[in-house]
Amino acid sequence: MAYSFTENRVGFLQIANTDSGVTMANGSSAVPTPPTTLGMVARAFDPTYGEGEFIVLLGVASTVVGSLVSYNATTYQTALSANTANLAGPVAVAMSACTAGLFGWYQIGGLAVIKKTAVATSAQVAVYQSATAGQIMATAASGKQILGARSANLATVTSTTSTVIVSINRPHKQGAVA
């Protein structure tokens, strides 16, 4: 993926890179290297996947490109999306191996390449949190649907393929099922 920003801004961390940040004078913890800021949202274009929307978040251990992460919309801290039903909250897709203590871009809109479990994925179906943290599956599971996300594949993706293209629009995990 070779995303290029479509907005008239300069100096941003590139989409596929990570940033260890800087500690400002009189600061106690690192922040993303300016002009990038936590929670910043930007649009970028890739010749294969088209336009996408991305947010700057703080990474977590074991994150790889394509990991599905949940994040706190106040602190911007991520966690690999857990296999827990009815755990409402926003999710995003890691664009880099943005591990603990690093800052990076996470996709929240457009066509995203997401890690999946070893289950075949039919064309254009709903996706769900799998038993493996940070991965999705196409098998229905009560309270685990990723809302605002649907597989974008035109043919079945085999169980041996480790990723699937998913159309996302500010996705979030399903809350309580009444």
N, C-alpha and C. Protein backbone atom coordinates (compact mmCIF):
# COMPACT_ATOMS: atom_id res chain seq x y z
N MET A 1 0.84 -1.16 0.00
CA MET A 1 0.00 0.00 0.00
C MET A 1 0.89 1.23 0.00
N ALA A 2 0.60 2.13 -0.91
CA ALA A 2 1.40 3.34 -1.05
C ALA A 2 0.49 4.55 -0.97
N TYR A 3 0.01 4.85 0.22
CA TYR A 3 -0.90 5.97 0.40
C TYR A 3 -0.16 7.30 0.35
N SER A 4 -0.78 8.28 -0.31
CA SER A 4 -0.29 9.65 -0.36
C SER A 4 -1.40 10.55 0.14
N PHE A 5 -1.05 11.52 0.99
CA PHE A 5 -2.07 12.42 1.54
C PHE A 5 -2.73 13.22 0.43
N THR A 6 -4.04 13.44 0.57
CA THR A 6 -4.79 14.21 -0.42
C THR A 6 -5.12 15.60 0.10
N GLU A 7 -4.70 15.91 1.31
CA GLU A 7 -4.98 17.20 1.91
C GLU A 7 -3.74 18.10 1.80
N ASN A 8 -3.96 19.39 1.80
CA ASN A 8 -2.86 20.35 1.68
C ASN A 8 -2.20 20.59 3.04
N ARG A 9 -1.47 19.59 3.50
CA ARG A 9 -0.72 19.69 4.74
C ARG A 9 0.65 19.10 4.49
N VAL A 10 1.66 19.59 5.19
CA VAL A 10 3.02 19.07 5.00
C VAL A 10 3.59 18.61 6.33
N GLY A 11 4.57 17.72 6.25
CA GLY A 11 5.29 17.29 7.44
C GLY A 11 4.69 16.12 8.19
N PHE A 12 3.62 15.54 7.67
CA PHE A 12 2.99 14.42 8.36
C PHE A 12 3.86 13.18 8.34
N LEU A 13 3.73 12.37 9.36
CA LEU A 13 4.26 11.02 9.39
C LEU A 13 3.59 10.26 8.24
N GLN A 14 4.37 9.53 7.46
CA GLN A 14 3.78 8.78 6.34
C GLN A 14 2.90 7.64 6.88
N ILE A 15 1.88 7.29 6.12
CA ILE A 15 0.86 6.32 6.55
C ILE A 15 1.45 5.01 7.04
N ALA A 16 2.44 4.45 6.38
CA ALA A 16 2.98 3.13 6.74
C ALA A 16 4.13 3.20 7.74
N ASN A 17 4.42 4.38 8.30
CA ASN A 17 5.53 4.53 9.25
C ASN A 17 5.05 4.68 10.68
N THR A 18 5.97 4.51 11.62
CA THR A 18 5.68 4.76 13.04
C THR A 18 6.57 5.90 13.52
N ASP A 19 6.20 6.44 14.68
CA ASP A 19 6.90 7.58 15.26
C ASP A 19 7.07 7.34 16.75
N SER A 20 8.30 7.49 17.25
CA SER A 20 8.52 7.32 18.70
C SER A 20 8.16 8.59 19.45
N GLY A 21 7.89 9.66 18.73
CA GLY A 21 7.43 10.90 19.34
C GLY A 21 8.54 11.73 19.94
N VAL A 22 8.15 12.81 20.58
CA VAL A 22 9.06 13.72 21.26
C VAL A 22 8.47 14.09 22.61
N THR A 23 9.34 14.41 23.55
CA THR A 23 8.87 14.91 24.85
C THR A 23 9.11 16.41 24.86
N MET A 24 8.07 17.17 24.98
CA MET A 24 8.16 18.63 24.96
C MET A 24 8.79 19.13 26.25
N ALA A 25 9.33 20.34 26.21
CA ALA A 25 9.89 20.97 27.41
C ALA A 25 8.81 20.98 28.49
N ASN A 26 9.19 20.61 29.69
CA ASN A 26 8.27 20.51 30.84
C ASN A 26 7.22 19.42 30.66
N GLY A 27 7.39 18.55 29.66
CA GLY A 27 6.46 17.46 29.44
C GLY A 27 6.89 16.22 30.20
N SER A 28 5.96 15.33 30.46
CA SER A 28 6.28 14.11 31.20
C SER A 28 6.19 12.86 30.34
N SER A 29 5.58 12.99 29.17
CA SER A 29 5.49 11.83 28.28
C SER A 29 5.58 12.28 26.83
N ALA A 30 5.87 11.33 25.96
CA ALA A 30 6.04 11.64 24.55
C ALA A 30 4.70 11.94 23.89
N VAL A 31 4.78 12.78 22.86
CA VAL A 31 3.64 13.08 22.00
C VAL A 31 4.12 12.86 20.56
N PRO A 32 3.20 12.68 19.62
CA PRO A 32 3.65 12.51 18.23
C PRO A 32 4.47 13.73 17.77
N THR A 33 5.43 13.48 16.90
CA THR A 33 6.24 14.56 16.38
C THR A 33 5.36 15.53 15.59
N PRO A 34 5.36 16.81 15.98
CA PRO A 34 4.54 17.79 15.25
C PRO A 34 4.94 17.84 13.77
N PRO A 35 4.01 18.11 12.87
CA PRO A 35 2.67 18.63 13.10
C PRO A 35 1.62 17.56 13.37
N THR A 36 2.01 16.30 13.43
CA THR A 36 1.07 15.22 13.72
C THR A 36 0.64 15.29 15.18
N THR A 37 -0.65 15.07 15.45
CA THR A 37 -1.16 15.07 16.82
C THR A 37 -2.05 13.85 17.03
N LEU A 38 -2.14 13.39 18.27
CA LEU A 38 -3.02 12.26 18.59
C LEU A 38 -4.46 12.59 18.22
N GLY A 39 -5.13 11.65 17.61
CA GLY A 39 -6.53 11.84 17.24
C GLY A 39 -6.73 12.57 15.93
N MET A 40 -5.65 13.05 15.34
CA MET A 40 -5.75 13.75 14.05
C MET A 40 -6.29 12.79 13.00
N VAL A 41 -7.18 13.27 12.16
CA VAL A 41 -7.76 12.47 11.09
C VAL A 41 -7.35 13.10 9.76
N ALA A 42 -6.93 12.27 8.81
CA ALA A 42 -6.54 12.76 7.49
C ALA A 42 -6.96 11.77 6.42
N ARG A 43 -7.05 12.25 5.20
CA ARG A 43 -7.39 11.40 4.06
C ARG A 43 -6.14 11.19 3.20
N ALA A 44 -6.07 9.99 2.63
CA ALA A 44 -4.96 9.66 1.74
C ALA A 44 -5.47 8.75 0.64
N PHE A 45 -4.70 8.69 -0.46
CA PHE A 45 -5.11 7.92 -1.64
C PHE A 45 -4.08 6.87 -1.98
N ASP A 46 -4.55 5.67 -2.33
CA ASP A 46 -3.69 4.59 -2.79
C ASP A 46 -4.19 4.18 -4.17
N PRO A 47 -3.28 3.95 -5.15
CA PRO A 47 -3.72 3.60 -6.50
C PRO A 47 -4.50 2.29 -6.59
N THR A 48 -4.32 1.39 -5.64
CA THR A 48 -5.04 0.11 -5.65
C THR A 48 -6.33 0.18 -4.84
N TYR A 49 -6.27 0.76 -3.64
CA TYR A 49 -7.41 0.74 -2.71
C TYR A 49 -8.24 2.02 -2.70
N GLY A 50 -7.82 3.04 -3.43
CA GLY A 50 -8.58 4.29 -3.48
C GLY A 50 -8.34 5.14 -2.25
N GLU A 51 -9.30 6.02 -1.97
CA GLU A 51 -9.15 6.95 -0.86
C GLU A 51 -9.52 6.28 0.46
N GLY A 52 -8.77 6.63 1.50
CA GLY A 52 -9.05 6.13 2.82
C GLY A 52 -8.96 7.24 3.84
N GLU A 53 -9.49 6.98 5.01
CA GLU A 53 -9.46 7.94 6.11
C GLU A 53 -8.69 7.30 7.26
N PHE A 54 -7.82 8.08 7.90
CA PHE A 54 -6.89 7.55 8.89
C PHE A 54 -6.86 8.43 10.13
N ILE A 55 -6.56 7.80 11.29
CA ILE A 55 -6.46 8.50 12.56
C ILE A 55 -5.12 8.15 13.21
N VAL A 56 -4.51 9.11 13.90
CA VAL A 56 -3.26 8.87 14.61
C VAL A 56 -3.59 8.34 16.01
N LEU A 57 -3.02 7.16 16.34
CA LEU A 57 -3.26 6.54 17.64
C LEU A 57 -1.95 6.07 18.25
N LEU A 58 -2.00 5.72 19.53
CA LEU A 58 -0.84 5.19 20.27
C LEU A 58 -0.88 3.67 20.21
N GLY A 59 0.22 3.05 19.76
CA GLY A 59 0.27 1.61 19.54
C GLY A 59 0.26 0.75 20.79
N VAL A 60 0.20 -0.55 20.57
CA VAL A 60 0.19 -1.55 21.64
C VAL A 60 1.03 -2.74 21.18
N ALA A 61 1.59 -3.48 22.11
CA ALA A 61 2.43 -4.64 21.80
C ALA A 61 1.71 -5.62 20.87
N SER A 62 2.47 -6.29 20.04
CA SER A 62 1.99 -7.34 19.13
C SER A 62 1.18 -6.84 17.94
N THR A 63 1.14 -5.54 17.71
CA THR A 63 0.43 -5.01 16.55
C THR A 63 1.24 -5.26 15.29
N VAL A 64 0.57 -5.75 14.25
CA VAL A 64 1.19 -5.93 12.93
C VAL A 64 0.31 -5.20 11.92
N VAL A 65 0.84 -5.00 10.72
CA VAL A 65 0.05 -4.38 9.67
C VAL A 65 -1.21 -5.21 9.44
N GLY A 66 -2.36 -4.55 9.47
CA GLY A 66 -3.63 -5.25 9.27
C GLY A 66 -4.33 -5.68 10.55
N SER A 67 -3.69 -5.46 11.70
CA SER A 67 -4.36 -5.81 12.98
C SER A 67 -5.58 -4.92 13.18
N LEU A 68 -6.64 -5.51 13.71
CA LEU A 68 -7.81 -4.74 14.12
C LEU A 68 -7.60 -4.36 15.57
N VAL A 69 -7.68 -3.06 15.86
CA VAL A 69 -7.49 -2.60 17.24
C VAL A 69 -8.73 -1.84 17.69
N SER A 70 -9.00 -1.93 18.97
CA SER A 70 -10.01 -1.06 19.56
C SER A 70 -9.22 0.11 20.14
N TYR A 71 -9.86 1.26 20.27
CA TYR A 71 -9.14 2.40 20.84
C TYR A 71 -10.06 3.25 21.70
N ASN A 72 -9.44 3.91 22.66
CA ASN A 72 -10.14 4.81 23.55
C ASN A 72 -10.21 6.16 22.84
N ALA A 73 -11.42 6.68 22.62
CA ALA A 73 -11.61 7.91 21.87
C ALA A 73 -11.21 9.15 22.67
N THR A 74 -10.77 8.99 23.91
CA THR A 74 -10.31 10.11 24.72
C THR A 74 -8.80 10.12 24.84
N THR A 75 -8.19 8.94 25.08
CA THR A 75 -6.74 8.86 25.27
C THR A 75 -6.02 8.42 23.99
N TYR A 76 -6.75 7.87 23.03
CA TYR A 76 -6.21 7.37 21.76
C TYR A 76 -5.28 6.17 21.94
N GLN A 77 -5.37 5.50 23.07
CA GLN A 77 -4.60 4.27 23.34
C GLN A 77 -5.30 3.10 22.66
N THR A 78 -4.52 2.23 22.02
CA THR A 78 -5.09 1.07 21.34
C THR A 78 -4.91 -0.21 22.15
N ALA A 79 -5.69 -1.21 21.77
CA ALA A 79 -5.54 -2.58 22.28
C ALA A 79 -5.96 -3.49 21.13
N LEU A 80 -5.31 -4.63 20.97
CA LEU A 80 -5.77 -5.56 19.94
C LEU A 80 -7.23 -5.88 20.23
N SER A 81 -8.05 -5.84 19.22
CA SER A 81 -9.48 -6.07 19.38
C SER A 81 -9.71 -7.44 20.02
N ALA A 82 -10.36 -7.44 21.16
CA ALA A 82 -10.52 -8.65 21.97
C ALA A 82 -11.73 -9.49 21.57
N ASN A 83 -11.65 -10.78 21.87
CA ASN A 83 -12.72 -11.73 21.62
C ASN A 83 -13.74 -11.66 22.76
N THR A 84 -14.40 -10.52 22.85
CA THR A 84 -15.39 -10.31 23.90
C THR A 84 -16.68 -9.82 23.26
N ALA A 85 -17.79 -10.47 23.56
CA ALA A 85 -19.08 -10.08 22.99
C ALA A 85 -19.58 -8.80 23.66
N ASN A 86 -20.36 -8.05 22.91
CA ASN A 86 -21.05 -6.85 23.41
C ASN A 86 -20.10 -5.81 23.98
N LEU A 87 -18.92 -5.68 23.39
CA LEU A 87 -17.91 -4.74 23.85
C LEU A 87 -17.89 -3.55 22.90
N ALA A 88 -18.93 -2.72 22.96
CA ALA A 88 -19.08 -1.60 22.04
C ALA A 88 -17.89 -0.65 22.13
N GLY A 89 -17.51 -0.09 21.00
CA GLY A 89 -16.44 0.90 20.96
C GLY A 89 -15.82 0.95 19.57
N PRO A 90 -15.12 2.04 19.28
CA PRO A 90 -14.53 2.19 17.95
C PRO A 90 -13.36 1.25 17.72
N VAL A 91 -13.18 0.84 16.46
CA VAL A 91 -12.04 0.02 16.05
C VAL A 91 -11.41 0.64 14.81
N ALA A 92 -10.15 0.27 14.57
CA ALA A 92 -9.40 0.78 13.42
C ALA A 92 -8.42 -0.30 12.98
N VAL A 93 -7.82 -0.10 11.81
CA VAL A 93 -6.90 -1.08 11.23
C VAL A 93 -5.49 -0.50 11.21
N ALA A 94 -4.54 -1.23 11.80
CA ALA A 94 -3.15 -0.78 11.86
C ALA A 94 -2.53 -0.72 10.48
N MET A 95 -1.88 0.39 10.17
CA MET A 95 -1.22 0.57 8.88
C MET A 95 0.27 0.28 8.97
N SER A 96 0.76 0.00 10.20
CA SER A 96 2.17 -0.31 10.43
C SER A 96 2.25 -1.22 11.65
N ALA A 97 3.45 -1.71 11.93
CA ALA A 97 3.66 -2.49 13.16
C ALA A 97 3.87 -1.49 14.28
N CYS A 98 2.80 -0.84 14.66
CA CYS A 98 2.83 0.24 15.64
C CYS A 98 2.69 -0.35 17.04
N THR A 99 3.83 -0.73 17.62
CA THR A 99 3.83 -1.40 18.91
C THR A 99 3.83 -0.40 20.06
N ALA A 100 3.90 -0.90 21.28
CA ALA A 100 3.80 -0.08 22.49
C ALA A 100 4.79 1.09 22.45
N GLY A 101 4.30 2.27 22.81
CA GLY A 101 5.14 3.45 22.88
C GLY A 101 5.35 4.16 21.56
N LEU A 102 4.78 3.64 20.48
CA LEU A 102 4.91 4.28 19.18
C LEU A 102 3.58 4.89 18.75
N PHE A 103 3.66 5.88 17.88
CA PHE A 103 2.47 6.51 17.32
C PHE A 103 2.39 6.13 15.85
N GLY A 104 1.17 5.97 15.33
CA GLY A 104 1.03 5.62 13.93
C GLY A 104 -0.38 5.86 13.43
N TRP A 105 -0.53 5.69 12.12
CA TRP A 105 -1.83 5.86 11.47
C TRP A 105 -2.61 4.54 11.49
N TYR A 106 -3.91 4.66 11.70
CA TYR A 106 -4.83 3.53 11.69
C TYR A 106 -5.99 3.90 10.78
N GLN A 107 -6.42 2.97 9.94
CA GLN A 107 -7.47 3.26 8.98
C GLN A 107 -8.85 3.15 9.62
N ILE A 108 -9.70 4.16 9.30
CA ILE A 108 -11.07 4.18 9.81
C ILE A 108 -12.10 4.35 8.69
N GLY A 109 -11.62 4.48 7.45
CA GLY A 109 -12.54 4.62 6.32
C GLY A 109 -11.89 4.16 5.03
N GLY A 110 -12.70 3.60 4.13
CA GLY A 110 -12.21 3.15 2.83
C GLY A 110 -12.06 1.64 2.78
N LEU A 111 -11.25 1.15 1.82
CA LEU A 111 -10.99 -0.27 1.69
C LEU A 111 -9.75 -0.62 2.50
N ALA A 112 -9.93 -1.42 3.54
CA ALA A 112 -8.84 -1.78 4.45
C ALA A 112 -8.48 -3.25 4.29
N VAL A 113 -7.19 -3.54 4.39
CA VAL A 113 -6.72 -4.93 4.36
C VAL A 113 -6.56 -5.37 5.81
N ILE A 114 -7.40 -6.32 6.24
CA ILE A 114 -7.45 -6.72 7.65
C ILE A 114 -7.06 -8.18 7.80
N LYS A 115 -6.33 -8.48 8.89
CA LYS A 115 -5.97 -9.86 9.22
C LYS A 115 -7.23 -10.65 9.54
N LYS A 116 -7.27 -11.90 9.07
CA LYS A 116 -8.43 -12.75 9.36
C LYS A 116 -7.95 -14.13 9.81
N THR A 117 -8.86 -14.86 10.42
CA THR A 117 -8.55 -16.22 10.85
C THR A 117 -8.63 -17.17 9.66
N ALA A 118 -8.25 -18.42 9.88
CA ALA A 118 -8.21 -19.43 8.81
C ALA A 118 -9.61 -19.96 8.50
N VAL A 119 -10.49 -19.05 8.10
CA VAL A 119 -11.85 -19.39 7.71
C VAL A 119 -12.11 -18.72 6.37
N ALA A 120 -12.74 -19.42 5.44
CA ALA A 120 -13.06 -18.83 4.14
C ALA A 120 -14.03 -17.66 4.34
N THR A 121 -13.88 -16.65 3.50
CA THR A 121 -14.74 -15.47 3.58
C THR A 121 -15.48 -15.31 2.26
N SER A 122 -16.80 -15.47 2.30
CA SER A 122 -17.62 -15.30 1.11
C SER A 122 -17.61 -13.84 0.68
N ALA A 123 -18.07 -13.60 -0.53
CA ALA A 123 -18.08 -12.24 -1.07
C ALA A 123 -19.09 -11.35 -0.35
N GLN A 124 -18.64 -10.17 0.01
CA GLN A 124 -19.47 -9.10 0.54
C GLN A 124 -20.42 -9.54 1.67
N VAL A 125 -19.79 -9.95 2.77
CA VAL A 125 -20.54 -10.39 3.95
C VAL A 125 -20.14 -9.56 5.17
N ALA A 126 -20.96 -9.64 6.19
CA ALA A 126 -20.64 -8.99 7.46
C ALA A 126 -19.39 -9.65 8.06
N VAL A 127 -18.65 -8.89 8.86
CA VAL A 127 -17.47 -9.45 9.52
C VAL A 127 -17.63 -9.35 11.03
N TYR A 128 -16.93 -10.25 11.74
CA TYR A 128 -17.07 -10.38 13.18
C TYR A 128 -15.69 -10.49 13.82
N GLN A 129 -15.62 -10.16 15.10
CA GLN A 129 -14.39 -10.37 15.87
C GLN A 129 -14.17 -11.87 15.99
N SER A 130 -12.95 -12.31 15.71
CA SER A 130 -12.64 -13.74 15.83
C SER A 130 -12.13 -14.06 17.23
N ALA A 131 -11.88 -15.33 17.48
CA ALA A 131 -11.32 -15.75 18.77
C ALA A 131 -9.88 -15.29 18.92
N THR A 132 -9.24 -14.91 17.81
CA THR A 132 -7.86 -14.42 17.85
C THR A 132 -7.87 -12.91 17.95
N ALA A 133 -7.30 -12.36 19.00
CA ALA A 133 -7.27 -10.91 19.19
C ALA A 133 -6.64 -10.23 17.98
N GLY A 134 -7.28 -9.16 17.51
CA GLY A 134 -6.75 -8.39 16.39
C GLY A 134 -7.12 -8.92 15.03
N GLN A 135 -7.93 -9.99 14.97
CA GLN A 135 -8.31 -10.57 13.68
C GLN A 135 -9.83 -10.67 13.58
N ILE A 136 -10.30 -10.76 12.33
CA ILE A 136 -11.73 -10.87 12.08
C ILE A 136 -12.04 -12.23 11.45
N MET A 137 -13.34 -12.51 11.31
CA MET A 137 -13.81 -13.72 10.64
C MET A 137 -15.16 -13.41 10.01
N ALA A 138 -15.59 -14.28 9.12
CA ALA A 138 -16.89 -14.10 8.47
C ALA A 138 -17.98 -14.95 9.12
N THR A 139 -17.63 -15.71 10.14
CA THR A 139 -18.58 -16.57 10.83
C THR A 139 -19.37 -15.75 11.84
N ALA A 140 -20.70 -15.77 11.72
CA ALA A 140 -21.55 -15.00 12.61
C ALA A 140 -21.34 -15.39 14.07
N ALA A 141 -21.25 -14.38 14.93
CA ALA A 141 -21.08 -14.60 16.37
C ALA A 141 -21.84 -13.50 17.09
N SER A 142 -22.82 -13.87 17.89
CA SER A 142 -23.67 -12.92 18.57
C SER A 142 -22.87 -11.92 19.41
N GLY A 143 -23.13 -10.64 19.19
CA GLY A 143 -22.49 -9.58 19.97
C GLY A 143 -21.08 -9.26 19.52
N LYS A 144 -20.60 -9.86 18.41
CA LYS A 144 -19.22 -9.65 17.97
C LYS A 144 -19.11 -9.05 16.56
N GLN A 145 -20.24 -8.60 16.00
CA GLN A 145 -20.17 -8.02 14.66
C GLN A 145 -19.41 -6.70 14.69
N ILE A 146 -18.65 -6.45 13.61
CA ILE A 146 -17.99 -5.17 13.45
C ILE A 146 -18.93 -4.33 12.59
N LEU A 147 -19.58 -3.37 13.22
CA LEU A 147 -20.54 -2.53 12.52
C LEU A 147 -19.80 -1.48 11.71
N GLY A 148 -20.33 -1.12 10.56
CA GLY A 148 -19.65 -0.18 9.68
C GLY A 148 -18.53 -0.86 8.91
N ALA A 149 -18.62 -2.18 8.76
CA ALA A 149 -17.60 -2.95 8.04
C ALA A 149 -18.26 -4.12 7.31
N ARG A 150 -17.82 -4.35 6.07
CA ARG A 150 -18.34 -5.47 5.27
C ARG A 150 -17.24 -5.90 4.31
N SER A 151 -17.06 -7.20 4.16
CA SER A 151 -16.00 -7.67 3.27
C SER A 151 -16.27 -7.12 1.86
N ALA A 152 -15.19 -6.74 1.18
CA ALA A 152 -15.32 -6.12 -0.14
C ALA A 152 -14.84 -7.05 -1.25
N ASN A 153 -14.54 -8.30 -0.91
CA ASN A 153 -14.07 -9.25 -1.91
C ASN A 153 -15.20 -9.63 -2.86
N LEU A 154 -14.85 -9.85 -4.14
CA LEU A 154 -15.84 -10.21 -5.15
C LEU A 154 -16.00 -11.71 -5.30
N ALA A 155 -15.04 -12.47 -4.78
CA ALA A 155 -15.09 -13.93 -4.80
C ALA A 155 -14.67 -14.42 -3.41
N THR A 156 -14.93 -15.67 -3.11
CA THR A 156 -14.58 -16.23 -1.81
C THR A 156 -13.07 -16.16 -1.60
N VAL A 157 -12.66 -15.69 -0.41
CA VAL A 157 -11.25 -15.68 -0.02
C VAL A 157 -11.02 -16.97 0.76
N THR A 158 -10.04 -17.76 0.34
CA THR A 158 -9.82 -19.08 0.94
C THR A 158 -9.37 -18.99 2.40
N SER A 159 -9.48 -20.09 3.10
CA SER A 159 -9.08 -20.15 4.50
C SER A 159 -7.57 -20.01 4.67
N THR A 160 -6.80 -20.28 3.62
CA THR A 160 -5.34 -20.19 3.72
C THR A 160 -4.82 -18.77 3.51
N THR A 161 -5.67 -17.86 3.05
CA THR A 161 -5.28 -16.46 2.88
C THR A 161 -5.43 -15.76 4.22
N SER A 162 -4.41 -14.98 4.63
CA SER A 162 -4.40 -14.40 5.97
C SER A 162 -5.06 -13.04 6.09
N THR A 163 -5.46 -12.43 4.96
CA THR A 163 -6.10 -11.12 5.00
C THR A 163 -7.33 -11.09 4.10
N VAL A 164 -8.17 -10.09 4.32
CA VAL A 164 -9.33 -9.87 3.46
C VAL A 164 -9.52 -8.35 3.34
N ILE A 165 -9.98 -7.91 2.19
CA ILE A 165 -10.27 -6.49 1.99
C ILE A 165 -11.67 -6.22 2.52
N VAL A 166 -11.78 -5.20 3.36
CA VAL A 166 -13.05 -4.87 4.01
C VAL A 166 -13.35 -3.39 3.78
N SER A 167 -14.56 -3.10 3.39
CA SER A 167 -15.00 -1.71 3.26
C SER A 167 -15.42 -1.24 4.64
N ILE A 168 -14.74 -0.19 5.14
CA ILE A 168 -15.04 0.30 6.49
C ILE A 168 -15.45 1.77 6.45
N ASN A 169 -16.31 2.14 7.39
CA ASN A 169 -16.73 3.52 7.56
C ASN A 169 -16.89 3.78 9.05
N ARG A 170 -15.81 4.27 9.66
CA ARG A 170 -15.78 4.53 11.12
C ARG A 170 -16.34 3.31 11.88
N PRO A 171 -15.71 2.15 11.71
CA PRO A 171 -16.24 0.91 12.29
C PRO A 171 -16.19 0.90 13.82
N HIS A 172 -17.07 0.10 14.39
CA HIS A 172 -17.10 -0.08 15.83
C HIS A 172 -17.65 -1.47 16.15
N LYS A 173 -17.30 -1.95 17.33
CA LYS A 173 -17.78 -3.27 17.76
C LYS A 173 -19.21 -3.16 18.25
N GLN A 174 -19.92 -4.25 18.05
CA GLN A 174 -21.33 -4.31 18.42
C GLN A 174 -21.50 -4.24 19.93
N GLY A 175 -22.49 -3.49 20.36
CA GLY A 175 -22.79 -3.39 21.78
C GLY A 175 -23.76 -4.49 22.20
N ALA A 176 -24.43 -4.28 23.30
CA ALA A 176 -25.34 -5.29 23.84
C ALA A 176 -26.43 -5.65 22.85
N VAL A 177 -26.73 -6.93 22.76
CA VAL A 177 -27.77 -7.43 21.87
C VAL A 177 -29.00 -7.69 22.71
N ALA A 178 -30.09 -7.01 22.39
CA ALA A 178 -31.31 -7.13 23.21
C ALA A 178 -32.14 -8.32 22.77
